[in-house]
């Protein structure tokens, strides 16, 4: 048997008035909460409408598959070829080559290839205008050899014919002997571009320099 809970009966009119006032307050609070929720909902809807109006009609972006492309590899450096060229260069310019074509003159030394006739004498007399020069003071032997080879090669490529190579008189060498001078003469005689050279005259450097004549560039 189910029994229902009974509310305590009001004992007086004052009790009834209190219950009425409590019910009215509860109803008023519920109405205020409902009105506030409705206002917030209206504000959110208005904001959504404003955003949609500002952006305009939109469509979802389609997902596109991305291609994964490999990064290009850096260009290879010809290290082996450069090493081979450097080795060939050192082998091409020997310090011990015997130059039978070197002709001793009064105070200097001259060289010419068999096909060259009087060009050497003209070198010493200043017939050729010096177009470029290199000073080999300071570098070590291997550095001087490479510098001279590069200088001769570049001058020939640029069409220059008459050069001055300053090797010094050897005053700073052990025994005051011009060690570099003899080596420079041998290096020059092994270059295919060089067809003649002679010791410079006094105004051009004297015993401390050589005037070098290069073959004409074939076009």
Protein backbone atom coordinates (compact mmCIF):
# COMPACT_ATOMS: atom_id res chain seq x y z
CA UNK A 1 0.00 0.00 0.00
CA UNK A 2 1.46 3.33 -1.13
CA UNK A 3 1.04 6.31 1.09
CA UNK A 4 1.38 9.88 -0.21
CA UNK A 5 3.31 12.48 1.66
CA UNK A 6 1.10 15.17 2.94
CA UNK A 7 2.19 18.77 3.21
CA UNK A 8 1.79 20.33 6.51
CA UNK A 9 -1.40 22.35 6.48
CA UNK A 10 -1.15 26.04 6.98
CA UNK A 11 -2.00 26.90 10.48
CA UNK A 12 -2.89 30.52 9.75
CA UNK A 13 -3.51 33.10 7.08
CA UNK A 14 -0.01 34.39 7.62
CA UNK A 15 1.38 31.02 6.61
CA UNK A 16 -0.67 31.06 3.39
CA UNK A 17 0.57 34.52 2.54
CA UNK A 18 4.18 33.39 3.00
CA UNK A 19 3.69 30.40 0.71
CA UNK A 20 2.10 32.61 -1.92
CA UNK A 21 4.97 35.05 -1.82
CA UNK A 22 7.52 32.24 -2.10
CA UNK A 23 5.75 30.81 -5.15
CA UNK A 24 5.64 34.22 -6.81
CA UNK A 25 9.35 34.81 -6.17
CA UNK A 26 10.25 31.42 -7.62
CA UNK A 27 8.12 32.07 -10.70
CA UNK A 28 9.68 35.52 -11.17
CA UNK A 29 13.24 34.11 -10.92
CA UNK A 30 12.43 31.42 -13.46
CA UNK A 31 11.00 34.02 -15.82
CA UNK A 32 14.11 36.20 -15.50
CA UNK A 33 16.42 33.21 -16.20
CA UNK A 34 14.36 32.21 -19.20
CA UNK A 35 14.40 35.76 -20.59
CA UNK A 36 18.17 36.02 -20.09
CA UNK A 37 18.77 32.72 -21.93
CA UNK A 38 16.54 33.85 -24.78
CA UNK A 39 18.46 37.16 -25.01
CA UNK A 40 21.83 35.41 -25.14
CA UNK A 41 20.59 33.03 -27.82
CA UNK A 42 19.30 35.97 -29.87
CA UNK A 43 22.66 37.76 -29.57
CA UNK A 44 24.60 34.68 -30.71
CA UNK A 45 22.28 34.20 -33.66
CA UNK A 46 22.68 37.85 -34.63
CA UNK A 47 26.49 37.54 -34.50
CA UNK A 48 26.40 34.42 -36.68
CA UNK A 49 24.22 36.21 -39.21
CA UNK A 50 26.54 39.23 -39.28
CA UNK A 51 29.62 37.03 -39.83
CA UNK A 52 27.88 35.07 -42.60
CA UNK A 53 26.82 38.30 -44.28
CA UNK A 54 30.35 39.74 -44.09
CA UNK A 55 32.08 36.60 -45.41
CA UNK A 56 29.54 35.74 -48.03
CA UNK A 57 28.84 32.38 -49.48
CA UNK A 58 31.57 29.84 -48.83
CA UNK A 59 32.30 26.32 -49.96
CA UNK A 60 34.42 23.70 -48.22
CA UNK A 61 37.95 23.39 -49.62
CA UNK A 62 38.65 20.15 -51.37
CA UNK A 63 41.58 18.18 -50.05
CA UNK A 64 44.32 18.01 -52.67
CA UNK A 65 47.02 15.37 -52.47
CA UNK A 66 50.49 16.92 -52.08
CA UNK A 67 53.38 15.70 -54.15
CA UNK A 68 56.58 15.04 -52.24
CA UNK A 69 59.32 16.15 -54.63
CA UNK A 70 62.91 15.26 -53.78
CA UNK A 71 65.26 18.18 -53.21
CA UNK A 72 67.77 18.69 -56.05
CA UNK A 73 71.23 17.44 -55.24
CA UNK A 74 74.08 19.99 -55.27
CA UNK A 75 76.25 20.05 -58.35
CA UNK A 76 79.20 17.69 -57.93
CA UNK A 77 82.59 19.27 -57.58
CA UNK A 78 85.25 17.78 -59.86
CA UNK A 79 87.66 17.25 -56.98
CA UNK A 80 89.43 14.33 -58.60
CA UNK A 81 89.88 16.18 -61.90
CA UNK A 82 91.22 19.21 -60.08
CA UNK A 83 93.65 17.02 -58.15
CA UNK A 84 94.75 15.32 -61.37
CA UNK A 85 95.32 18.66 -63.06
CA UNK A 86 97.35 19.92 -60.11
CA UNK A 87 99.44 16.76 -60.16
CA UNK A 88 99.96 17.02 -63.91
CA UNK A 89 100.96 20.64 -63.53
CA UNK A 90 103.64 19.79 -60.97
CA UNK A 91 104.93 16.96 -63.16
CA UNK A 92 104.97 19.20 -66.23
CA UNK A 93 107.22 21.81 -64.63
CA UNK A 94 110.28 20.00 -63.40
CA UNK A 95 113.05 21.67 -61.42
CA UNK A 96 115.69 19.36 -62.84
CA UNK A 97 115.13 19.68 -66.59
CA UNK A 98 118.31 20.17 -68.67
CA UNK A 99 117.95 23.16 -70.98
CA UNK A 100 120.37 22.81 -73.88
CA UNK A 101 118.75 25.76 -75.58
CA UNK A 102 119.87 28.17 -72.84
CA UNK A 103 122.46 30.48 -74.31
CA UNK A 104 124.92 32.27 -72.03
CA UNK A 105 125.40 35.90 -72.96
CA UNK A 106 127.52 38.67 -71.54
CA UNK A 107 125.78 39.25 -68.23
CA UNK A 108 122.64 37.27 -68.50
CA UNK A 109 120.86 34.41 -70.12
CA UNK A 110 118.44 33.99 -72.95
CA UNK A 111 116.31 31.24 -74.39
CA UNK A 112 114.48 30.73 -77.63
CA UNK A 113 112.76 27.97 -79.44
CA UNK A 114 114.29 26.79 -82.72
CA UNK A 115 111.63 28.51 -84.81
CA UNK A 116 112.37 31.88 -83.21
CA UNK A 117 115.22 33.84 -84.75
CA UNK A 118 116.06 37.35 -83.59
CA UNK A 119 113.16 37.87 -81.19
CA UNK A 120 115.40 37.30 -78.16
CA UNK A 121 117.72 40.16 -79.05
CA UNK A 122 114.70 42.37 -79.60
CA UNK A 123 113.41 41.44 -76.14
CA UNK A 124 116.53 42.82 -74.48
CA UNK A 125 116.47 45.96 -76.61
CA UNK A 126 112.92 46.79 -75.61
CA UNK A 127 111.35 46.07 -79.00
CA UNK A 128 108.35 44.51 -77.29
CA UNK A 129 106.16 46.53 -74.92
CA UNK A 130 105.63 44.78 -71.58
CA UNK A 131 101.91 44.07 -71.19
CA UNK A 132 101.79 42.38 -67.79
CA UNK A 133 104.11 41.21 -65.01
CA UNK A 134 104.27 38.96 -61.97
CA UNK A 135 106.45 39.26 -58.88
CA UNK A 136 107.48 35.92 -57.39
CA UNK A 137 109.11 37.32 -54.27
CA UNK A 138 107.84 35.74 -51.06
CA UNK A 139 105.96 32.56 -52.09
CA UNK A 140 107.48 29.16 -51.49
CA UNK A 141 108.82 27.16 -54.42
CA UNK A 142 105.63 25.17 -55.11
CA UNK A 143 103.47 28.29 -54.69
CA UNK A 144 105.73 30.27 -57.03
CA UNK A 145 105.61 27.50 -59.64
CA UNK A 146 101.80 27.32 -59.59
CA UNK A 147 101.50 31.13 -59.63
CA UNK A 148 103.81 31.37 -62.65
CA UNK A 149 101.94 28.66 -64.55
CA UNK A 150 98.59 30.32 -63.93
CA UNK A 151 100.01 33.71 -64.90
CA UNK A 152 101.39 32.40 -68.22
CA UNK A 153 98.21 30.51 -69.05
CA UNK A 154 95.92 33.47 -68.36
CA UNK A 155 98.14 35.92 -70.24
CA UNK A 156 98.17 33.67 -73.30
CA UNK A 157 94.40 33.28 -73.17
CA UNK A 158 94.07 37.07 -73.07
CA UNK A 159 96.28 37.46 -76.14
CA UNK A 160 99.19 39.08 -74.29
CA UNK A 161 102.61 38.51 -75.85
CA UNK A 162 105.29 40.22 -73.77
CA UNK A 163 105.53 39.70 -69.99
CA UNK A 164 107.96 40.46 -67.20
CA UNK A 165 108.66 37.87 -64.52
CA UNK A 166 110.41 39.26 -61.43
CA UNK A 167 112.29 36.54 -59.55
CA UNK A 168 114.79 38.63 -57.60
CA UNK A 169 118.56 38.55 -57.46
CA UNK A 170 118.81 36.10 -54.58
CA UNK A 171 120.21 38.51 -52.00
CA UNK A 172 117.93 37.01 -49.37
CA UNK A 173 118.73 33.39 -50.26
CA UNK A 174 121.26 31.21 -48.41
CA UNK A 175 124.71 31.94 -49.76
CA UNK A 176 123.33 34.92 -51.68
CA UNK A 177 122.64 32.60 -54.62
CA UNK A 178 119.64 33.27 -56.91
CA UNK A 179 117.99 29.88 -56.43
CA UNK A 180 114.59 30.97 -57.74
CA UNK A 181 116.09 32.53 -60.85
CA UNK A 182 117.34 29.20 -62.20
CA UNK A 183 114.07 27.46 -61.38
CA UNK A 184 111.99 30.15 -63.09
CA UNK A 185 114.09 29.79 -66.24
CA UNK A 186 113.48 26.03 -66.30
CA UNK A 187 109.77 26.42 -65.61
CA UNK A 188 109.37 28.94 -68.40
CA UNK A 189 111.20 26.79 -70.92
CA UNK A 190 108.72 23.95 -70.29
CA UNK A 191 105.64 26.02 -71.02
CA UNK A 192 104.33 25.55 -74.55
CA UNK A 193 103.15 29.16 -74.65
CA UNK A 194 106.68 30.51 -74.06
CA UNK A 195 108.76 30.84 -77.23
CA UNK A 196 111.57 33.01 -75.86
CA UNK A 197 112.81 34.87 -72.83
CA UNK A 198 115.82 36.95 -71.91
CA UNK A 199 117.28 38.63 -68.88
CA UNK A 200 115.79 42.09 -68.48
CA UNK A 201 117.83 45.19 -69.20
CA UNK A 202 118.80 47.48 -66.33
CA UNK A 203 115.72 49.75 -66.43
CA UNK A 204 113.46 46.68 -66.70
CA UNK A 205 114.87 44.89 -63.65
CA UNK A 206 118.27 43.65 -64.75
CA UNK A 207 119.42 40.33 -63.30
CA UNK A 208 116.35 40.17 -61.09
CA UNK A 209 113.80 39.78 -63.89
CA UNK A 210 113.13 38.08 -67.20
CA UNK A 211 111.32 39.41 -70.26
CA UNK A 212 109.15 36.62 -71.65
CA UNK A 213 107.69 36.32 -75.15
CA UNK A 214 104.59 34.20 -75.68
CA UNK A 215 103.38 32.59 -78.87
CA UNK A 216 100.52 34.29 -80.65
CA UNK A 217 97.11 32.91 -79.83
CA UNK A 218 95.64 30.72 -82.57
CA UNK A 219 92.19 31.95 -83.56
